[in-house]
Amino acid sequence: MSGPLGGVPPAELLMTVARQDRGGCLVLAVRGEVDLSTGGRLAESAGEVLREAGSRPVVLDMLGVEFLSSSGLGVLVSLNDEARAKGTPLRVVVDQDRPVMRPIRTMGLDDVLAMFGTVDEAVAV
């Protein structure tokens, strides 16, 4: 299936976002690619969850993310800023050994974001 850009699939096929309540946290599981074409959907979905969460922690499960672009990093920074402003803990789950971690480390975001290796760890805090 191709999208309007001639051979590029629609954003809905490049990235999926699913929400669940778990252990007093709102967990947003992201799968696929987080880039310029999908970042807006992630920002919208996560922003909605942050508004709804109040003081409950929000866990952004990125274990299923295969690609994270610089625009995706920008979305993470914006979500972190929004969460701090609301007083909502934001916990980001990324496998430390996957290529997705490389841009996070390169930009120093692993020192800024609350990073976890598993959803269980992020929920248990």
N, C-alpha and C. Protein backbone atom coordinates (compact mmCIF):
# COMPACT_ATOMS: atom_id res chain seq x y z
N MET A 1 0.85 -1.18 0.00
CA MET A 1 0.00 0.00 0.00
C MET A 1 0.89 1.24 0.00
N SER A 2 0.61 2.18 -0.86
CA SER A 2 1.42 3.38 -0.89
C SER A 2 0.57 4.57 -0.50
N GLY A 3 1.24 5.61 -0.04
CA GLY A 3 0.57 6.82 0.40
C GLY A 3 0.70 7.91 -0.64
N PRO A 4 0.37 9.12 -0.25
CA PRO A 4 0.38 10.24 -1.17
C PRO A 4 1.78 10.65 -1.63
N LEU A 5 2.82 10.15 -1.00
CA LEU A 5 4.17 10.53 -1.38
C LEU A 5 4.79 9.54 -2.35
N GLY A 6 3.97 8.71 -2.99
CA GLY A 6 4.46 7.79 -3.99
C GLY A 6 5.33 6.69 -3.43
N GLY A 7 4.73 5.67 -2.91
CA GLY A 7 5.46 4.55 -2.39
C GLY A 7 5.72 4.60 -0.90
N VAL A 8 5.50 5.73 -0.25
CA VAL A 8 5.68 5.83 1.19
C VAL A 8 4.37 5.45 1.87
N PRO A 9 4.39 4.46 2.75
CA PRO A 9 3.16 4.06 3.42
C PRO A 9 2.61 5.19 4.29
N PRO A 10 1.31 5.19 4.54
CA PRO A 10 0.74 6.21 5.43
C PRO A 10 1.32 6.08 6.83
N ALA A 11 1.31 7.18 7.58
CA ALA A 11 1.91 7.22 8.92
C ALA A 11 1.32 6.16 9.84
N GLU A 12 0.04 5.83 9.66
CA GLU A 12 -0.61 4.83 10.51
C GLU A 12 0.04 3.46 10.38
N LEU A 13 0.66 3.20 9.23
CA LEU A 13 1.34 1.93 9.04
C LEU A 13 2.80 1.99 9.50
N LEU A 14 3.36 3.18 9.56
CA LEU A 14 4.75 3.33 9.97
C LEU A 14 4.91 3.30 11.49
N MET A 15 3.85 3.72 12.20
CA MET A 15 3.92 3.77 13.66
C MET A 15 2.54 3.51 14.24
N THR A 16 2.50 2.69 15.29
CA THR A 16 1.26 2.48 16.03
C THR A 16 1.49 2.89 17.47
N VAL A 17 0.42 3.31 18.10
CA VAL A 17 0.46 3.71 19.51
C VAL A 17 -0.72 3.05 20.20
N ALA A 18 -0.45 2.32 21.28
CA ALA A 18 -1.52 1.66 22.05
C ALA A 18 -1.37 2.05 23.50
N ARG A 19 -2.50 2.26 24.15
CA ARG A 19 -2.49 2.71 25.54
C ARG A 19 -3.06 1.64 26.46
N GLN A 20 -2.50 1.55 27.66
CA GLN A 20 -3.06 0.67 28.67
C GLN A 20 -2.77 1.26 30.05
N ASP A 21 -3.61 0.93 31.01
CA ASP A 21 -3.38 1.29 32.40
C ASP A 21 -2.69 0.10 33.05
N ARG A 22 -1.60 0.39 33.77
CA ARG A 22 -0.85 -0.71 34.37
C ARG A 22 -0.16 -0.23 35.65
N GLY A 23 -0.47 -0.86 36.74
CA GLY A 23 0.21 -0.57 38.00
C GLY A 23 0.13 0.88 38.42
N GLY A 24 -0.98 1.54 38.17
CA GLY A 24 -1.13 2.95 38.53
C GLY A 24 -0.50 3.91 37.54
N CYS A 25 0.04 3.39 36.46
CA CYS A 25 0.66 4.22 35.41
C CYS A 25 -0.16 4.13 34.13
N LEU A 26 -0.06 5.14 33.31
CA LEU A 26 -0.60 5.08 31.96
C LEU A 26 0.57 4.73 31.05
N VAL A 27 0.45 3.61 30.34
CA VAL A 27 1.53 3.13 29.47
C VAL A 27 1.13 3.35 28.02
N LEU A 28 2.00 3.98 27.27
CA LEU A 28 1.79 4.22 25.86
C LEU A 28 2.85 3.42 25.10
N ALA A 29 2.44 2.34 24.43
CA ALA A 29 3.36 1.48 23.69
C ALA A 29 3.47 1.98 22.25
N VAL A 30 4.67 2.33 21.86
CA VAL A 30 4.93 2.86 20.52
C VAL A 30 5.68 1.80 19.73
N ARG A 31 5.21 1.54 18.50
CA ARG A 31 5.83 0.53 17.63
C ARG A 31 6.07 1.13 16.25
N GLY A 32 7.22 0.83 15.68
CA GLY A 32 7.50 1.28 14.32
C GLY A 32 8.55 2.37 14.27
N GLU A 33 8.29 3.41 13.48
CA GLU A 33 9.23 4.49 13.25
C GLU A 33 8.71 5.79 13.83
N VAL A 34 9.59 6.52 14.52
CA VAL A 34 9.25 7.84 15.02
C VAL A 34 10.12 8.83 14.26
N ASP A 35 9.48 9.52 13.32
CA ASP A 35 10.21 10.46 12.47
C ASP A 35 9.31 11.63 12.12
N LEU A 36 9.68 12.38 11.10
CA LEU A 36 8.93 13.57 10.73
C LEU A 36 7.48 13.25 10.37
N SER A 37 7.26 12.11 9.71
CA SER A 37 5.90 11.79 9.27
C SER A 37 5.03 11.22 10.39
N THR A 38 5.63 10.70 11.46
CA THR A 38 4.84 10.08 12.52
C THR A 38 4.92 10.82 13.85
N GLY A 39 5.89 11.71 14.00
CA GLY A 39 6.11 12.41 15.26
C GLY A 39 4.90 13.18 15.75
N GLY A 40 4.15 13.77 14.84
CA GLY A 40 2.94 14.51 15.23
C GLY A 40 1.90 13.61 15.88
N ARG A 41 1.76 12.41 15.35
CA ARG A 41 0.81 11.46 15.95
C ARG A 41 1.25 11.06 17.35
N LEU A 42 2.55 10.85 17.52
CA LEU A 42 3.06 10.50 18.85
C LEU A 42 2.85 11.67 19.81
N ALA A 43 3.18 12.87 19.38
CA ALA A 43 3.01 14.05 20.23
C ALA A 43 1.55 14.22 20.64
N GLU A 44 0.65 14.01 19.70
CA GLU A 44 -0.78 14.14 19.98
C GLU A 44 -1.27 13.08 20.96
N SER A 45 -0.91 11.83 20.70
CA SER A 45 -1.33 10.72 21.57
C SER A 45 -0.76 10.86 22.97
N ALA A 46 0.53 11.13 23.06
CA ALA A 46 1.17 11.25 24.36
C ALA A 46 0.70 12.51 25.09
N GLY A 47 0.49 13.59 24.36
CA GLY A 47 -0.02 14.81 24.97
C GLY A 47 -1.39 14.59 25.60
N GLU A 48 -2.23 13.84 24.92
CA GLU A 48 -3.56 13.51 25.44
C GLU A 48 -3.43 12.69 26.73
N VAL A 49 -2.54 11.72 26.73
CA VAL A 49 -2.32 10.89 27.91
C VAL A 49 -1.76 11.74 29.06
N LEU A 50 -0.83 12.64 28.77
CA LEU A 50 -0.27 13.51 29.80
C LEU A 50 -1.35 14.40 30.42
N ARG A 51 -2.25 14.91 29.61
CA ARG A 51 -3.34 15.75 30.13
C ARG A 51 -4.27 14.95 31.02
N GLU A 52 -4.49 13.70 30.67
CA GLU A 52 -5.39 12.84 31.41
C GLU A 52 -4.75 12.28 32.68
N ALA A 53 -3.44 12.14 32.70
CA ALA A 53 -2.74 11.44 33.78
C ALA A 53 -2.77 12.16 35.11
N GLY A 54 -2.81 13.49 35.08
CA GLY A 54 -2.69 14.21 36.35
C GLY A 54 -1.31 13.96 36.93
N SER A 55 -1.27 13.46 38.16
CA SER A 55 0.03 13.18 38.79
C SER A 55 0.47 11.73 38.61
N ARG A 56 -0.37 10.92 37.94
CA ARG A 56 0.02 9.52 37.70
C ARG A 56 1.15 9.48 36.68
N PRO A 57 2.12 8.59 36.86
CA PRO A 57 3.22 8.49 35.90
C PRO A 57 2.75 8.02 34.52
N VAL A 58 3.41 8.53 33.50
CA VAL A 58 3.19 8.09 32.13
C VAL A 58 4.46 7.36 31.68
N VAL A 59 4.27 6.14 31.19
CA VAL A 59 5.38 5.33 30.70
C VAL A 59 5.30 5.29 29.19
N LEU A 60 6.34 5.74 28.54
CA LEU A 60 6.42 5.73 27.08
C LEU A 60 7.27 4.52 26.70
N ASP A 61 6.60 3.43 26.32
CA ASP A 61 7.26 2.17 25.98
C ASP A 61 7.70 2.23 24.52
N MET A 62 9.01 2.40 24.32
CA MET A 62 9.57 2.51 22.98
C MET A 62 10.36 1.26 22.59
N LEU A 63 10.09 0.14 23.25
CA LEU A 63 10.81 -1.09 22.94
C LEU A 63 10.55 -1.57 21.52
N GLY A 64 9.40 -1.21 20.96
CA GLY A 64 9.07 -1.62 19.61
C GLY A 64 9.42 -0.60 18.55
N VAL A 65 10.13 0.45 18.92
CA VAL A 65 10.53 1.48 17.95
C VAL A 65 11.78 1.01 17.23
N GLU A 66 11.70 1.02 15.91
CA GLU A 66 12.81 0.55 15.07
C GLU A 66 13.68 1.68 14.56
N PHE A 67 13.14 2.89 14.52
CA PHE A 67 13.88 4.03 13.99
C PHE A 67 13.43 5.27 14.73
N LEU A 68 14.39 6.09 15.16
CA LEU A 68 14.12 7.34 15.86
C LEU A 68 14.94 8.44 15.21
N SER A 69 14.26 9.37 14.55
CA SER A 69 14.95 10.46 13.85
C SER A 69 15.15 11.65 14.78
N SER A 70 15.82 12.67 14.26
CA SER A 70 16.03 13.89 15.05
C SER A 70 14.69 14.56 15.38
N SER A 71 13.73 14.48 14.47
CA SER A 71 12.42 15.07 14.79
C SER A 71 11.73 14.24 15.88
N GLY A 72 11.97 12.94 15.90
CA GLY A 72 11.45 12.10 16.98
C GLY A 72 12.07 12.45 18.31
N LEU A 73 13.38 12.76 18.30
CA LEU A 73 14.04 13.23 19.52
C LEU A 73 13.41 14.52 20.02
N GLY A 74 13.08 15.40 19.08
CA GLY A 74 12.42 16.65 19.44
C GLY A 74 11.08 16.41 20.11
N VAL A 75 10.34 15.41 19.64
CA VAL A 75 9.06 15.07 20.26
C VAL A 75 9.30 14.61 21.70
N LEU A 76 10.32 13.78 21.91
CA LEU A 76 10.63 13.31 23.27
C LEU A 76 10.95 14.48 24.20
N VAL A 77 11.74 15.42 23.72
CA VAL A 77 12.09 16.58 24.53
C VAL A 77 10.84 17.40 24.86
N SER A 78 10.00 17.62 23.87
CA SER A 78 8.76 18.38 24.09
C SER A 78 7.84 17.69 25.10
N LEU A 79 7.71 16.37 24.96
CA LEU A 79 6.87 15.62 25.90
C LEU A 79 7.44 15.68 27.31
N ASN A 80 8.76 15.59 27.42
CA ASN A 80 9.39 15.68 28.73
C ASN A 80 9.14 17.05 29.36
N ASP A 81 9.27 18.10 28.56
CA ASP A 81 9.01 19.46 29.04
C ASP A 81 7.56 19.62 29.48
N GLU A 82 6.64 19.08 28.67
CA GLU A 82 5.21 19.17 29.01
C GLU A 82 4.91 18.41 30.30
N ALA A 83 5.50 17.23 30.44
CA ALA A 83 5.28 16.42 31.65
C ALA A 83 5.80 17.16 32.88
N ARG A 84 6.98 17.74 32.79
CA ARG A 84 7.54 18.48 33.93
C ARG A 84 6.65 19.65 34.31
N ALA A 85 6.17 20.38 33.31
CA ALA A 85 5.32 21.54 33.57
C ALA A 85 4.02 21.13 34.28
N LYS A 86 3.53 19.94 33.99
CA LYS A 86 2.29 19.45 34.59
C LYS A 86 2.53 18.72 35.91
N GLY A 87 3.81 18.43 36.23
CA GLY A 87 4.11 17.66 37.43
C GLY A 87 3.81 16.18 37.26
N THR A 88 3.82 15.72 36.02
CA THR A 88 3.55 14.32 35.70
C THR A 88 4.86 13.61 35.41
N PRO A 89 5.19 12.56 36.16
CA PRO A 89 6.42 11.83 35.84
C PRO A 89 6.31 11.15 34.47
N LEU A 90 7.33 11.35 33.63
CA LEU A 90 7.40 10.69 32.33
C LEU A 90 8.59 9.74 32.38
N ARG A 91 8.32 8.47 32.08
CA ARG A 91 9.34 7.44 32.10
C ARG A 91 9.44 6.83 30.71
N VAL A 92 10.63 6.82 30.15
CA VAL A 92 10.84 6.34 28.78
C VAL A 92 11.55 4.98 28.84
N VAL A 93 10.97 3.99 28.15
CA VAL A 93 11.52 2.64 28.13
C VAL A 93 12.15 2.38 26.77
N VAL A 94 13.46 2.12 26.78
CA VAL A 94 14.21 1.84 25.56
C VAL A 94 15.21 0.74 25.87
N ASP A 95 15.33 -0.23 24.97
CA ASP A 95 16.33 -1.27 25.11
C ASP A 95 17.70 -0.63 24.89
N GLN A 96 18.55 -0.72 25.88
CA GLN A 96 19.86 -0.07 25.84
C GLN A 96 20.75 -0.59 24.70
N ASP A 97 20.48 -1.76 24.19
CA ASP A 97 21.33 -2.37 23.16
C ASP A 97 20.79 -2.18 21.74
N ARG A 98 19.68 -1.47 21.58
CA ARG A 98 19.11 -1.29 20.24
C ARG A 98 19.59 0.01 19.62
N PRO A 99 19.58 0.07 18.29
CA PRO A 99 20.04 1.28 17.59
C PRO A 99 19.26 2.54 17.97
N VAL A 100 18.04 2.40 18.44
CA VAL A 100 17.23 3.56 18.82
C VAL A 100 17.90 4.33 19.97
N MET A 101 18.66 3.63 20.79
CA MET A 101 19.32 4.29 21.92
C MET A 101 20.46 5.21 21.47
N ARG A 102 21.02 4.92 20.32
CA ARG A 102 22.18 5.70 19.85
C ARG A 102 21.88 7.20 19.70
N PRO A 103 20.80 7.60 19.01
CA PRO A 103 20.54 9.04 18.91
C PRO A 103 20.20 9.67 20.27
N ILE A 104 19.59 8.89 21.15
CA ILE A 104 19.28 9.42 22.48
C ILE A 104 20.57 9.71 23.22
N ARG A 105 21.52 8.78 23.17
CA ARG A 105 22.83 8.99 23.81
C ARG A 105 23.61 10.12 23.14
N THR A 106 23.60 10.14 21.81
CA THR A 106 24.35 11.15 21.07
C THR A 106 23.92 12.56 21.47
N MET A 107 22.63 12.75 21.67
CA MET A 107 22.11 14.07 22.03
C MET A 107 22.14 14.32 23.53
N GLY A 108 22.58 13.33 24.32
CA GLY A 108 22.65 13.50 25.77
C GLY A 108 21.31 13.41 26.46
N LEU A 109 20.32 12.91 25.76
CA LEU A 109 18.98 12.83 26.36
C LEU A 109 18.87 11.73 27.41
N ASP A 110 19.81 10.79 27.40
CA ASP A 110 19.78 9.75 28.43
C ASP A 110 20.07 10.35 29.81
N ASP A 111 20.64 11.56 29.85
CA ASP A 111 20.86 12.27 31.11
C ASP A 111 19.69 13.17 31.48
N VAL A 112 18.79 13.41 30.53
CA VAL A 112 17.67 14.31 30.74
C VAL A 112 16.37 13.54 31.01
N LEU A 113 16.16 12.49 30.24
CA LEU A 113 14.94 11.69 30.36
C LEU A 113 15.09 10.63 31.45
N ALA A 114 13.98 10.28 32.09
CA ALA A 114 13.97 9.16 33.04
C ALA A 114 13.90 7.89 32.20
N MET A 115 15.05 7.21 32.06
CA MET A 115 15.17 6.06 31.17
C MET A 115 15.12 4.75 31.94
N PHE A 116 14.45 3.76 31.34
CA PHE A 116 14.31 2.43 31.92
C PHE A 116 14.50 1.40 30.83
N GLY A 117 14.92 0.19 31.21
CA GLY A 117 15.16 -0.88 30.26
C GLY A 117 13.95 -1.74 30.00
N THR A 118 12.98 -1.77 30.93
CA THR A 118 11.76 -2.55 30.75
C THR A 118 10.56 -1.77 31.28
N VAL A 119 9.40 -2.14 30.79
CA VAL A 119 8.17 -1.51 31.28
C VAL A 119 7.96 -1.87 32.74
N ASP A 120 8.27 -3.10 33.13
CA ASP A 120 8.13 -3.50 34.53
C ASP A 120 8.94 -2.59 35.46
N GLU A 121 10.17 -2.29 35.07
CA GLU A 121 11.01 -1.39 35.88
C GLU A 121 10.39 -0.01 35.97
N ALA A 122 9.90 0.51 34.86
CA ALA A 122 9.33 1.85 34.83
C ALA A 122 8.06 1.94 35.66
N VAL A 123 7.26 0.90 35.66
CA VAL A 123 6.01 0.88 36.42
C VAL A 123 6.30 0.73 37.92
N ALA A 124 7.34 -0.02 38.26
CA ALA A 124 7.64 -0.35 39.66
C ALA A 124 8.20 0.83 40.46
N VAL A 125 8.69 1.87 39.81
CA VAL A 125 9.34 2.98 40.52
C VAL A 125 8.33 3.73 41.37
